[in-house]
Amino acid sequence: MRTAHAVTVAAAQPQPAASYRLRPVWLVSAVASGVALVVTELYGLAIRLGGVPMAAAGFGQAKAGPVTAGSFAMGVLTCALWGTALAVLIARYAPGRPASTCSPQSP
């Protein structure tokens, strides 16, 4: 005769990977900005090699000027600067556990 045994499995708590480390916000932003810069410059190069004319005018200008290789880089760096500043401020002043600061909504 066989006897059945019940096996209880404890709920596993999620554990971070051993190689998981927090990096400074500015460092992650700098790496991401560098990747974005390379990708947008390659995109601009492909467009130019494809023979697509690129020109843009500033606000209030009547005539468009050529979009140069540095134009994409300047746009990416400007957005990266403001995005990094915002991310650093959020990382610095946001509560450690934002979910715990919110009260549950009543139905």
Protein backbone atom coordinates (compact mmCIF):
# COMPACT_ATOMS: atom_id res chain seq x y z
CA MET A 1 0.00 0.00 0.00
CA ARG A 2 1.27 3.46 -0.88
CA THR A 3 1.05 6.48 1.37
CA ALA A 4 0.51 9.94 -0.15
CA HIS A 5 2.54 12.81 1.21
CA ALA A 6 1.59 16.45 0.84
CA VAL A 7 4.38 18.77 -0.14
CA THR A 8 4.14 22.42 0.81
CA VAL A 9 6.08 24.88 -1.31
CA ALA A 10 6.86 28.18 0.33
CA ALA A 11 6.24 31.25 -1.79
CA ALA A 12 9.57 32.38 -3.10
CA GLN A 13 10.45 35.97 -2.47
CA PRO A 14 11.88 37.71 -5.53
CA GLN A 15 15.61 38.21 -5.06
CA PRO A 16 17.67 40.65 -7.09
CA ALA A 17 20.35 39.11 -9.26
CA ALA A 18 23.78 38.93 -7.69
CA SER A 19 25.20 41.20 -10.39
CA TYR A 20 22.49 43.84 -9.96
CA ARG A 21 23.93 47.16 -8.82
CA LEU A 22 22.53 50.63 -8.82
CA ARG A 23 24.34 53.06 -11.06
CA PRO A 24 24.30 56.86 -10.66
CA VAL A 25 21.51 58.49 -12.64
CA TRP A 26 23.91 60.81 -14.44
CA LEU A 27 26.07 57.87 -15.58
CA VAL A 28 23.13 55.92 -16.98
CA SER A 29 21.90 59.07 -18.70
CA ALA A 30 25.32 59.76 -20.21
CA VAL A 31 25.55 56.23 -21.65
CA ALA A 32 21.99 56.35 -22.99
CA SER A 33 22.64 59.79 -24.50
CA GLY A 34 25.78 58.53 -26.20
CA VAL A 35 23.88 55.62 -27.74
CA ALA A 36 21.09 57.98 -28.86
CA LEU A 37 23.63 60.35 -30.37
CA VAL A 38 25.24 57.60 -32.43
CA VAL A 39 21.90 56.19 -33.58
CA THR A 40 20.51 59.57 -34.68
CA GLU A 41 23.72 60.48 -36.50
CA LEU A 42 23.64 57.15 -38.34
CA TYR A 43 20.00 57.79 -39.22
CA GLY A 44 20.87 61.24 -40.56
CA LEU A 45 23.75 59.77 -42.56
CA ALA A 46 21.48 57.14 -44.09
CA ILE A 47 18.96 59.82 -45.06
CA ARG A 48 21.67 61.96 -46.66
CA LEU A 49 23.10 58.97 -48.53
CA GLY A 50 19.58 58.20 -49.74
CA GLY A 51 19.47 61.58 -51.46
CA VAL A 52 16.76 63.12 -49.30
CA PRO A 53 17.23 66.89 -49.07
CA MET A 54 17.10 68.10 -45.48
CA ALA A 55 16.41 71.70 -44.59
CA ALA A 56 14.79 73.39 -41.61
CA ALA A 57 13.99 76.93 -40.57
CA GLY A 58 13.89 78.39 -37.10
CA PHE A 59 10.87 80.10 -35.63
CA GLY A 60 10.10 83.27 -37.56
CA GLN A 61 12.66 82.63 -40.31
CA ALA A 62 11.46 82.87 -43.89
CA LYS A 63 14.11 80.65 -45.47
CA ALA A 64 15.20 77.16 -44.44
CA GLY A 65 18.87 76.32 -44.04
CA PRO A 66 20.53 72.93 -44.49
CA VAL A 67 20.44 70.41 -41.67
CA THR A 68 24.05 69.52 -40.98
CA ALA A 69 25.54 66.49 -39.24
CA GLY A 70 25.92 68.47 -36.01
CA SER A 71 22.25 69.45 -35.98
CA PHE A 72 21.16 66.02 -34.84
CA ALA A 73 23.91 65.89 -32.23
CA MET A 74 22.91 69.28 -30.83
CA GLY A 75 19.28 68.22 -30.56
CA VAL A 76 20.13 65.00 -28.76
CA LEU A 77 22.54 66.70 -26.37
CA THR A 78 20.05 69.45 -25.54
CA CYS A 79 17.31 66.94 -24.74
CA ALA A 80 19.77 64.76 -22.82
CA LEU A 81 20.86 67.70 -20.68
CA TRP A 82 17.34 68.61 -19.62
CA GLY A 83 16.30 64.97 -19.25
CA THR A 84 19.30 64.21 -17.05
CA ALA A 85 18.64 67.25 -14.88
CA LEU A 86 15.02 66.17 -14.42
CA ALA A 87 15.98 62.55 -13.66
CA VAL A 88 18.57 63.62 -11.08
CA LEU A 89 16.01 65.87 -9.36
CA ILE A 90 13.41 63.10 -9.31
CA ALA A 91 15.94 60.57 -7.98
CA ARG A 92 17.06 63.02 -5.30
CA TYR A 93 13.71 64.27 -4.03
CA ALA A 94 11.25 61.43 -4.74
CA PRO A 95 10.24 59.29 -1.77
CA GLY A 96 12.07 55.99 -1.44
CA ARG A 97 8.90 53.96 -1.89
CA PRO A 98 6.34 56.09 -3.72
CA ALA A 99 3.67 53.35 -3.58
CA SER A 100 3.68 53.46 0.22
CA THR A 101 2.97 57.19 0.30
CA CYS A 102 -0.28 56.87 -1.65
CA SER A 103 -3.43 56.11 0.25
CA PRO A 104 -5.70 53.43 -1.22
CA GLN A 105 -8.72 54.78 -3.02
CA SER A 106 -12.05 53.90 -1.52
CA PRO A 107 -14.80 52.64 -3.89
